[in-house]
C-alpha atoms as a PDB file:
ATOM      1  CA  MET A   1     -20.434 -15.630  10.366  1.00  0.00           C
ATOM      2  CA  MET A   2     -21.753 -12.231   8.143  1.00  0.00           C
ATOM      3  CA  ARG A   3     -23.181 -13.203   4.754  1.00  0.00           C
ATOM      4  CA  ILE A   4     -21.030 -11.620   2.525  1.00  0.00           C
ATOM      5  CA  THR A   5     -22.445  -8.417   1.187  1.00  0.00           C
ATOM      6  CA  PRO A   6     -22.617  -7.790  -2.809  1.00  0.00           C
ATOM      7  CA  VAL A   7     -19.690  -4.915  -3.451  1.00  0.00           C
ATOM      8  CA  VAL A   8     -17.239  -7.009  -1.324  1.00  0.00           C
ATOM      9  CA  LYS A   9     -17.866  -9.776  -3.260  1.00  0.00           C
ATOM     10  CA  GLN A  10     -17.489  -7.686  -6.432  1.00  0.00           C
ATOM     11  CA  LEU A  11     -13.843  -6.846  -5.028  1.00  0.00           C
ATOM     12  CA  LEU A  12     -13.157 -10.590  -4.117  1.00  0.00           C
ATOM     13  CA  ILE A  13     -14.007 -11.969  -7.649  1.00  0.00           C
ATOM     14  CA  LEU A  14     -11.862  -8.904  -9.500  1.00  0.00           C
ATOM     15  CA  ASN A  15      -9.120 -10.279  -7.402  1.00  0.00           C
ATOM     16  CA  ILE A  16      -9.073 -13.150  -8.221  1.00  0.00           C
ATOM     17  CA  ILE A  17     -10.189 -12.639 -11.884  1.00  0.00           C
ATOM     18  CA  PHE A  18      -6.717 -10.188 -11.902  1.00  0.00           C
ATOM     19  CA  TYR A  19      -4.750 -13.146  -9.830  1.00  0.00           C
ATOM     20  CA  ILE A  20      -5.206 -15.381 -12.416  1.00  0.00           C
ATOM     21  CA  GLY A  21      -5.252 -13.942 -15.737  1.00  0.00           C
ATOM     22  CA  SER A  22      -1.395 -12.413 -13.829  1.00  0.00           C
ATOM     23  CA  GLN A  23       0.085 -15.752 -13.671  1.00  0.00           C
ATOM     24  CA  PHE A  24       0.398 -16.226 -17.061  1.00  0.00           C
ATOM     25  CA  PRO A  25       3.810 -14.873 -18.400  1.00  0.00           C
ATOM     26  CA  SER A  26       2.796 -14.701 -21.973  1.00  0.00           C
ATOM     27  CA  VAL A  27      -0.493 -11.475 -20.763  1.00  0.00           C
ATOM     28  CA  ARG A  28       3.383  -9.529 -18.881  1.00  0.00           C
ATOM     29  CA  ALA A  29       0.431  -8.148 -16.894  1.00  0.00           C
ATOM     30  CA  TYR A  30       2.383  -7.286 -13.525  1.00  0.00           C
ATOM     31  CA  PRO A  31       4.930  -4.571 -15.591  1.00  0.00           C
ATOM     32  CA  LEU A  32       1.567  -3.517 -17.117  1.00  0.00           C
ATOM     33  CA  PHE A  33      -1.145  -3.231 -13.659  1.00  0.00           C
ATOM     34  CA  SER A  34       1.380  -3.085 -11.191  1.00  0.00           C
ATOM     35  CA  GLU A  35       2.458   0.662  -9.303  1.00  0.00           C
ATOM     36  CA  PHE A  36       5.816   1.787 -10.909  1.00  0.00           C
ATOM     37  CA  TYR A  37       7.405   5.313  -9.809  1.00  0.00           C
ATOM     38  CA  PHE A  38       5.668   8.091 -11.846  1.00  0.00           C
ATOM     39  CA  GLU A  39       8.798   9.516 -13.379  1.00  0.00           C
ATOM     40  CA  ASN A  40       9.764   5.014 -13.840  1.00  0.00           C
ATOM     41  CA  SER A  41       9.460   4.806 -17.693  1.00  0.00           C
ATOM     42  CA  ASN A  42       6.970   1.617 -16.642  1.00  0.00           C
ATOM     43  CA  PHE A  43       4.444   4.060 -15.092  1.00  0.00           C
ATOM     44  CA  ARG A  44       0.361   3.877 -16.531  1.00  0.00           C
ATOM     45  CA  ALA A  45      -2.182   6.506 -15.659  1.00  0.00           C
ATOM     46  CA  TRP A  46      -4.394   3.540 -14.546  1.00  0.00           C
ATOM     47  CA  GLN A  47      -2.176   1.910 -12.314  1.00  0.00           C
ATOM     48  CA  PRO A  48      -3.007   3.446  -9.541  1.00  0.00           C
ATOM     49  CA  LEU A  49      -6.435   1.795  -9.994  1.00  0.00           C
ATOM     50  CA  THR A  50      -5.392  -1.500 -11.279  1.00  0.00           C
ATOM     51  CA  SER A  51      -2.073  -2.075  -9.001  1.00  0.00           C
ATOM     52  CA  MET A  52      -5.730  -2.562  -5.952  1.00  0.00           C
ATOM     53  CA  PHE A  53      -6.090  -6.127  -7.431  1.00  0.00           C
ATOM     54  CA  MET A  54      -2.282  -7.088  -8.496  1.00  0.00           C
ATOM     55  CA  HIS A  55      -0.959  -9.470  -5.768  1.00  0.00           C
ATOM     56  CA  ALA A  56       2.484 -11.513  -5.664  1.00  0.00           C
ATOM     57  CA  PRO A  57       2.623 -13.958  -8.127  1.00  0.00           C
ATOM     58  CA  LEU A  58       2.683 -17.692  -7.257  1.00  0.00           C
ATOM     59  CA  PRO A  59       3.987 -19.959  -4.559  1.00  0.00           C
ATOM     60  CA  ASN A  60       3.072 -16.520  -2.546  1.00  0.00           C
ATOM     61  CA  PHE A  61       0.069 -17.422  -2.277  1.00  0.00           C
ATOM     62  CA  THR A  62      -0.683 -16.212   1.461  1.00  0.00           C
ATOM     63  CA  HIS A  63      -0.458 -12.176   0.269  1.00  0.00           C
ATOM     64  CA  ILE A  64      -3.408 -12.071  -1.779  1.00  0.00           C
ATOM     65  CA  PHE A  65      -5.309 -15.312   0.442  1.00  0.00           C
ATOM     66  CA  PHE A  66      -4.828 -13.109   4.170  1.00  0.00           C
ATOM     67  CA  ASN A  67      -5.656  -9.615   2.345  1.00  0.00           C
ATOM     68  CA  MET A  68      -9.327 -11.217   0.618  1.00  0.00           C
ATOM     69  CA  PHE A  69      -9.988 -12.543   4.231  1.00  0.00           C
ATOM     70  CA  ALA A  70      -9.312  -9.110   6.058  1.00  0.00           C
ATOM     71  CA  LEU A  71     -11.615  -7.415   3.203  1.00  0.00           C
ATOM     72  CA  TYR A  72     -14.258 -10.397   3.502  1.00  0.00           C
ATOM     73  CA  SER A  73     -13.998 -10.008   7.325  1.00  0.00           C
ATOM     74  CA  PHE A  74     -14.114  -5.949   7.956  1.00  0.00           C
ATOM     75  CA  GLY A  75     -15.076  -5.096   4.280  1.00  0.00           C
ATOM     76  CA  SER A  76     -18.933  -6.946   5.188  1.00  0.00           C
ATOM     77  CA  ALA A  77     -19.467  -5.475   8.011  1.00  0.00           C
ATOM     78  CA  LEU A  78     -18.430  -2.032   6.676  1.00  0.00           C
ATOM     79  CA  GLU A  79     -20.543  -2.249   3.621  1.00  0.00           C
ATOM     80  CA  HIS A  80     -23.383  -3.817   5.591  1.00  0.00           C
ATOM     81  CA  PHE A  81     -23.945  -0.597   7.723  1.00  0.00           C
ATOM     82  CA  TRP A  82     -22.714   1.779   5.414  1.00  0.00           C
ATOM     83  CA  GLY A  83     -24.066   0.090   1.735  1.00  0.00           C
ATOM     84  CA  GLY A  84     -22.521  -0.492  -1.195  1.00  0.00           C
ATOM     85  CA  THR A  85     -21.761   2.969  -2.949  1.00  0.00           C
ATOM     86  CA  LYS A  86     -20.346   4.660   0.255  1.00  0.00           C
ATOM     87  CA  PHE A  87     -18.462   1.156   0.738  1.00  0.00           C
ATOM     88  CA  LEU A  88     -16.578   1.111  -2.688  1.00  0.00           C
ATOM     89  CA  PHE A  89     -15.821   4.678  -2.315  1.00  0.00           C
ATOM     90  CA  PHE A  90     -14.407   4.723   0.622  1.00  0.00           C
ATOM     91  CA  TYR A  91     -12.358   1.197  -0.440  1.00  0.00           C
ATOM     92  CA  ILE A  92     -11.210   2.738  -3.598  1.00  0.00           C
ATOM     93  CA  SER A  93     -10.534   6.273  -1.814  1.00  0.00           C
ATOM     94  CA  CYS A  94      -8.421   4.715   0.633  1.00  0.00           C
ATOM     95  CA  GLY A  95      -6.038   2.581  -2.314  1.00  0.00           C
ATOM     96  CA  VAL A  96      -5.326   6.181  -4.612  1.00  0.00           C
ATOM     97  CA  GLY A  97      -4.403   7.034  -0.238  1.00  0.00           C
ATOM     98  CA  ALA A  98      -2.173   4.666  -0.104  1.00  0.00           C
ATOM     99  CA  PHE A  99      -0.608   5.252  -3.956  1.00  0.00           C
ATOM    100  CA  LEU A 100      -0.632   8.850  -3.107  1.00  0.00           C
ATOM    101  CA  LEU A 101       1.783   8.927   0.370  1.00  0.00           C
ATOM    102  CA  ASN A 102       3.319   5.529  -1.471  1.00  0.00           C
ATOM    103  CA  GLN A 103       5.215   8.055  -4.181  1.00  0.00           C
ATOM    104  CA  GLY A 104       5.472  10.348  -1.677  1.00  0.00           C
ATOM    105  CA  ILE A 105       8.667   9.147  -0.218  1.00  0.00           C
ATOM    106  CA  HIS A 106       9.318   7.551  -3.219  1.00  0.00           C
ATOM    107  CA  TYR A 107       9.815  10.659  -5.170  1.00  0.00           C
ATOM    108  CA  TYR A 108      11.981  12.111  -1.558  1.00  0.00           C
ATOM    109  CA  GLN A 109      14.056   8.982  -1.694  1.00  0.00           C
ATOM    110  CA  PHE A 110      14.830   9.431  -5.177  1.00  0.00           C
ATOM    111  CA  HIS A 111      15.115  13.473  -5.938  1.00  0.00           C
ATOM    112  CA  HIS A 112      16.837  13.305  -1.995  1.00  0.00           C
ATOM    113  CA  ALA A 113      19.524  10.399  -3.465  1.00  0.00           C
ATOM    114  CA  LEU A 114      19.993  12.513  -7.362  1.00  0.00           C
ATOM    115  CA  GLU A 115      20.792  15.757  -5.422  1.00  0.00           C
ATOM    116  CA  LEU A 116      23.705  14.225  -3.679  1.00  0.00           C
ATOM    117  CA  LEU A 117      25.336  12.291  -6.860  1.00  0.00           C
ATOM    118  CA  ASN A 118      24.702  15.687  -8.990  1.00  0.00           C
ATOM    119  CA  GLU A 119      26.352  17.817  -6.121  1.00  0.00           C
ATOM    120  CA  ALA A 120      28.996  14.509  -6.586  1.00  0.00           C
ATOM    121  CA  ASN A 121      29.348  14.978 -10.427  1.00  0.00           C
ATOM    122  CA  ALA A 122      27.632  12.075 -11.751  1.00  0.00           C
ATOM    123  CA  SER A 123      26.954  12.001 -15.362  1.00  0.00           C
ATOM    124  CA  GLN A 124      23.659  11.384 -16.218  1.00  0.00           C
ATOM    125  CA  ASN A 125      25.013   7.995 -18.668  1.00  0.00           C
ATOM    126  CA  ASP A 126      26.580   6.483 -14.791  1.00  0.00           C
ATOM    127  CA  ILE A 127      23.041   7.677 -13.188  1.00  0.00           C
ATOM    128  CA  THR A 128      21.183   6.161 -16.176  1.00  0.00           C
ATOM    129  CA  VAL A 129      23.046   2.398 -15.510  1.00  0.00           C
ATOM    130  CA  PHE A 130      22.276   2.358 -11.806  1.00  0.00           C
ATOM    131  CA  LEU A 131      18.854   2.780 -11.868  1.00  0.00           C
ATOM    132  CA  ASN A 132      18.557   0.434 -14.873  1.00  0.00           C
ATOM    133  CA  GLU A 133      21.616  -2.451 -13.866  1.00  0.00           C
ATOM    134  CA  GLY A 134      22.390  -1.415 -10.693  1.00  0.00           C
ATOM    135  CA  ARG A 135      25.920  -1.050 -11.312  1.00  0.00           C
ATOM    136  CA  TYR A 136      28.078   2.338  -9.746  1.00  0.00           C
ATOM    137  CA  ASN A 137      31.280   2.627  -9.289  1.00  0.00           C
ATOM    138  CA  SER A 138      32.208   2.523  -6.034  1.00  0.00           C
ATOM    139  CA  ASN A 139      33.962   5.539  -5.306  1.00  0.00           C
ATOM    140  CA  ILE A 140      30.504   7.388  -5.784  1.00  0.00           C
ATOM    141  CA  LEU A 141      29.632   5.667  -1.747  1.00  0.00           C
ATOM    142  CA  ASN A 142      32.485   9.206  -1.096  1.00  0.00           C
ATOM    143  CA  PHE A 143      29.311  11.376  -1.616  1.00  0.00           C
ATOM    144  CA  ILE A 144      26.524   9.187  -0.948  1.00  0.00           C
ATOM    145  CA  SER A 145      25.744   6.980   1.515  1.00  0.00           C
ATOM    146  CA  ILE A 146      25.172   3.065   0.034  1.00  0.00           C
ATOM    147  CA  SER A 147      21.553   3.578   2.020  1.00  0.00           C
ATOM    148  CA  ASP A 148      20.383   6.430   0.324  1.00  0.00           C
ATOM    149  CA  LEU A 149      22.148   4.786  -3.207  1.00  0.00           C
ATOM    150  CA  GLY A 150      19.738   1.725  -2.385  1.00  0.00           C
ATOM    151  CA  ASP A 151      16.768   3.882  -1.759  1.00  0.00           C
ATOM    152  CA  MET A 152      16.643   4.884  -4.756  1.00  0.00           C
ATOM    153  CA  TYR A 153      17.426   1.962  -6.522  1.00  0.00           C
ATOM    154  CA  GLN A 154      14.549   0.511  -5.297  1.00  0.00           C
ATOM    155  CA  ALA A 155      12.079   3.665  -5.112  1.00  0.00           C
ATOM    156  CA  TYR A 156      12.606   4.119  -8.740  1.00  0.00           C
ATOM    157  CA  ASN A 157      12.220   0.250  -9.969  1.00  0.00           C
ATOM    158  CA  SER A 158       9.654  -1.220  -7.384  1.00  0.00           C
ATOM    159  CA  GLN A 159       6.387  -2.482  -7.925  1.00  0.00           C
ATOM    160  CA  THR A 160       3.797  -2.231  -5.532  1.00  0.00           C
ATOM    161  CA  LEU A 161       0.913  -4.452  -5.471  1.00  0.00           C
ATOM    162  CA  GLY A 162      -1.884  -5.291  -2.669  1.00  0.00           C
ATOM    163  CA  ALA A 163      -5.108  -5.061  -2.123  1.00  0.00           C
ATOM    164  CA  SER A 164      -3.329  -3.635   1.596  1.00  0.00           C
ATOM    165  CA  GLY A 165      -3.588   0.218   1.344  1.00  0.00           C
ATOM    166  CA  ALA A 166      -7.488  -0.067   0.926  1.00  0.00           C
ATOM    167  CA  ILE A 167      -7.547  -3.160   3.612  1.00  0.00           C
ATOM    168  CA  TYR A 168      -6.024  -0.882   5.965  1.00  0.00           C
ATOM    169  CA  GLY A 169      -8.370   1.988   5.079  1.00  0.00           C
ATOM    170  CA  LEU A 170     -11.229  -0.344   6.517  1.00  0.00           C
ATOM    171  CA  LEU A 171      -9.077  -1.836   9.459  1.00  0.00           C
ATOM    172  CA  VAL A 172      -9.586   2.255  11.068  1.00  0.00           C
ATOM    173  CA  ALA A 173     -12.886   2.430   9.889  1.00  0.00           C
ATOM    174  CA  PHE A 174     -14.170  -0.949  11.636  1.00  0.00           C
ATOM    175  CA  ALA A 175     -11.815   0.518  14.869  1.00  0.00           C
ATOM    176  CA  PHE A 176     -13.788   3.251  14.667  1.00  0.00           C
ATOM    177  CA  MET A 177     -17.224   2.113  13.992  1.00  0.00           C
ATOM    178  CA  PHE A 178     -16.853  -0.855  16.857  1.00  0.00           C
ATOM    179  CA  PRO A 179     -13.834  -0.035  18.483  1.00  0.00           C
ATOM    180  CA  ASN A 180     -14.895  -2.224  21.883  1.00  0.00           C
ATOM    181  CA  ALA A 181     -14.598  -5.303  19.558  1.00  0.00           C
ATOM    182  CA  GLU A 182     -12.567  -8.286  20.200  1.00  0.00           C
ATOM    183  CA  LEU A 183     -10.605  -9.338  17.296  1.00  0.00           C
ATOM    184  CA  GLY A 184      -8.732 -12.772  17.565  1.00  0.00           C
ATOM    185  CA  ILE A 185      -5.430 -12.475  15.578  1.00  0.00           C
ATOM    186  CA  MET A 186      -3.558 -15.854  14.809  1.00  0.00           C
ATOM    187  CA  PHE A 187      -0.712 -16.801  17.205  1.00  0.00           C
ATOM    188  CA  ILE A 188      -1.860 -14.567  20.003  1.00  0.00           C
ATOM    189  CA  PRO A 189      -3.173 -16.703  22.288  1.00  0.00           C
ATOM    190  CA  ILE A 190      -6.680 -13.793  23.724  1.00  0.00           C
ATOM    191  CA  PRO A 191      -8.635 -11.834  22.081  1.00  0.00           C
ATOM    192  CA  ILE A 192      -7.712  -7.767  21.402  1.00  0.00           C
ATOM    193  CA  LYS A 193      -9.758  -5.285  20.973  1.00  0.00           C
ATOM    194  CA  ALA A 194     -10.087  -3.361  17.682  1.00  0.00           C
ATOM    195  CA  LYS A 195      -9.159   0.006  19.623  1.00  0.00           C
ATOM    196  CA  TYR A 196      -6.422  -1.417  20.307  1.00  0.00           C
ATOM    197  CA  PHE A 197      -5.302  -3.398  17.172  1.00  0.00           C
ATOM    198  CA  VAL A 198      -5.223  -1.024  14.569  1.00  0.00           C
ATOM    199  CA  PRO A 199      -2.825   1.729  15.835  1.00  0.00           C
ATOM    200  CA  GLY A 200      -1.053  -0.547  16.966  1.00  0.00           C
ATOM    201  CA  LEU A 201      -0.525  -2.463  14.208  1.00  0.00           C
ATOM    202  CA  LEU A 202      -0.230   0.937  12.451  1.00  0.00           C
ATOM    203  CA  ALA A 203       2.769   1.429  14.458  1.00  0.00           C
ATOM    204  CA  VAL A 204       4.649  -1.306  13.818  1.00  0.00           C
ATOM    205  CA  ASP A 205       4.111  -0.701  10.135  1.00  0.00           C
ATOM    206  CA  LEU A 206       5.093   3.627  11.040  1.00  0.00           C
ATOM    207  CA  PHE A 207       8.176   2.064  12.620  1.00  0.00           C
ATOM    208  CA  LEU A 208       9.335  -0.756  10.404  1.00  0.00           C
ATOM    209  CA  GLY A 209       8.919   2.240   7.135  1.00  0.00           C
ATOM    210  CA  LEU A 210      11.461   4.645   9.063  1.00  0.00           C
ATOM    211  CA  LYS A 211      13.646   2.175   9.850  1.00  0.00           C
ATOM    212  CA  GLY A 212      13.781   1.339   5.718  1.00  0.00           C
ATOM    213  CA  GLN A 213      15.627  -1.828   5.004  1.00  0.00           C
ATOM    214  CA  SER A 214      17.639  -1.357   1.707  1.00  0.00           C
ATOM    215  CA  ILE A 215      18.673  -3.355  -0.624  1.00  0.00           C
ATOM    216  CA  PHE A 216      21.728  -3.773  -0.615  1.00  0.00           C
ATOM    217  CA  GLY A 217      21.937  -3.664   3.239  1.00  0.00           C
ATOM    218  CA  ALA A 218      20.651  -5.928   5.286  1.00  0.00           C
ATOM    219  CA  GLY A 219      17.465  -6.598   3.046  1.00  0.00           C
ATOM    220  CA  SER A 220      14.210  -5.710   1.685  1.00  0.00           C
ATOM    221  CA  THR A 221      11.178  -6.229   3.797  1.00  0.00           C
ATOM    222  CA  GLY A 222       9.363  -6.482   1.207  1.00  0.00           C
ATOM    223  CA  ILE A 223       6.565  -4.623   2.258  1.00  0.00           C
ATOM    224  CA  ALA A 224       5.096  -1.064   1.497  1.00  0.00           C
ATOM    225  CA  HIS A 225       4.591   0.323   4.444  1.00  0.00           C
ATOM    226  CA  PHE A 226       4.275   3.588   3.705  1.00  0.00           C
ATOM    227  CA  ALA A 227       1.144   2.259   1.484  1.00  0.00           C
ATOM    228  CA  HIS A 228      -0.298   0.678   4.940  1.00  0.00           C
ATOM    229  CA  ILE A 229       0.343   4.079   6.714  1.00  0.00           C
ATOM    230  CA  GLY A 230      -1.539   5.893   3.556  1.00  0.00           C
ATOM    231  CA  GLY A 231      -4.604   3.565   3.095  1.00  0.00           C
ATOM    232  CA  ALA A 232      -5.116   4.304   7.263  1.00  0.00           C
ATOM    233  CA  ILE A 233      -4.292   7.959   6.630  1.00  0.00           C
ATOM    234  CA  THR A 234      -6.542   8.618   3.892  1.00  0.00           C
ATOM    235  CA  GLY A 235      -9.557   6.247   5.907  1.00  0.00           C
ATOM    236  CA  PHE A 236      -8.844   8.219   9.172  1.00  0.00           C
ATOM    237  CA  ILE A 237      -9.452  11.780   7.788  1.00  0.00           C
ATOM    238  CA  MET A 238     -12.685   9.661   5.882  1.00  0.00           C
ATOM    239  CA  MET A 239     -15.076   8.424   8.966  1.00  0.00           C
ATOM    240  CA  TRP A 240     -12.896  11.949  10.981  1.00  0.00           C
ATOM    241  CA  TYR A 241     -15.189  14.000   8.225  1.00  0.00           C
ATOM    242  CA  TRP A 242     -18.060  11.555   8.115  1.00  0.00           C
ATOM    243  CA  LYS A 243     -18.478  11.440  11.725  1.00  0.00           C
ATOM    244  CA  LYS A 244     -18.723  15.418  11.935  1.00  0.00           C
ATOM    245  CA  ASN A 245     -20.889  15.621   9.678  1.00  0.00           C
ATOM    246  CA  GLN A 246     -23.191  13.187  10.011  1.00  0.00           C
ATOM    247  CA  PHE A 247     -25.744  15.191  11.340  1.00  0.00           C
ATOM    248  CA  ASN A 248     -25.615  17.855   8.909  1.00  0.00           C
ATOM    249  CA  HIS A 249     -28.738  16.768   7.334  1.00  0.00           C
ATOM    250  CA  ASN A 250     -30.623  17.673  10.479  1.00  0.00           C
ATOM    251  CA  ARG A 251     -29.651  21.001  10.961  1.00  0.00           C
ATOM    252  CA  TRP A 252     -31.294  23.743  10.301  1.00  0.00           C
ATOM    253  CA  ASN A 253     -30.871  28.165   9.988  1.00  0.00           C
END
């Protein structure tokens, strides 16, 4: 088992501190530090960073457990080769990339539905009541699908939290550096090479994200699939750039 590296250790401690502190109702940590849609009045400038250290409240302990286990497992290997500064830069960048894509998807869902409501001459008061309380006149369904309506509500009100976006960036980096490393996955009896496991995992996330499940339909998965994809894309771009330029310091004109 690989020794835990310094920055990974500090990130684990920060996540645990945030998690324990968030369990006290008087702290009101979740509305302050989770990620809200940027047009929601609950959005704060620090949330792109702090949301990376927030996890689902008790009794859901598996969210933080699996994220921290992945941070230790993959992060320690990467920090060992990169050093702490480069690793931390990569980790935070992937978390911010996850935030940006998640916000972009929410922006599209919100404004697509808003445009349909405006075309249906819905009043601003009706829209405000819907966004704040979830109540709407069923006649509006003649102009907008319940799926689009649900996406709008969820995009505006959802709280996104967790280290998963940054973790997906680490997974991509690990697959870049150790493509033939065999990973033992829970519930799967045979190990899978990283170069197959990571693209497969991303394909599942992309499928579920595109499929979508409205809160007014079959039920939401409760997982920010596009945040995962955003972290992975950021990780891929950074790894591709670093690999392409890794010998630049040895070149001469």
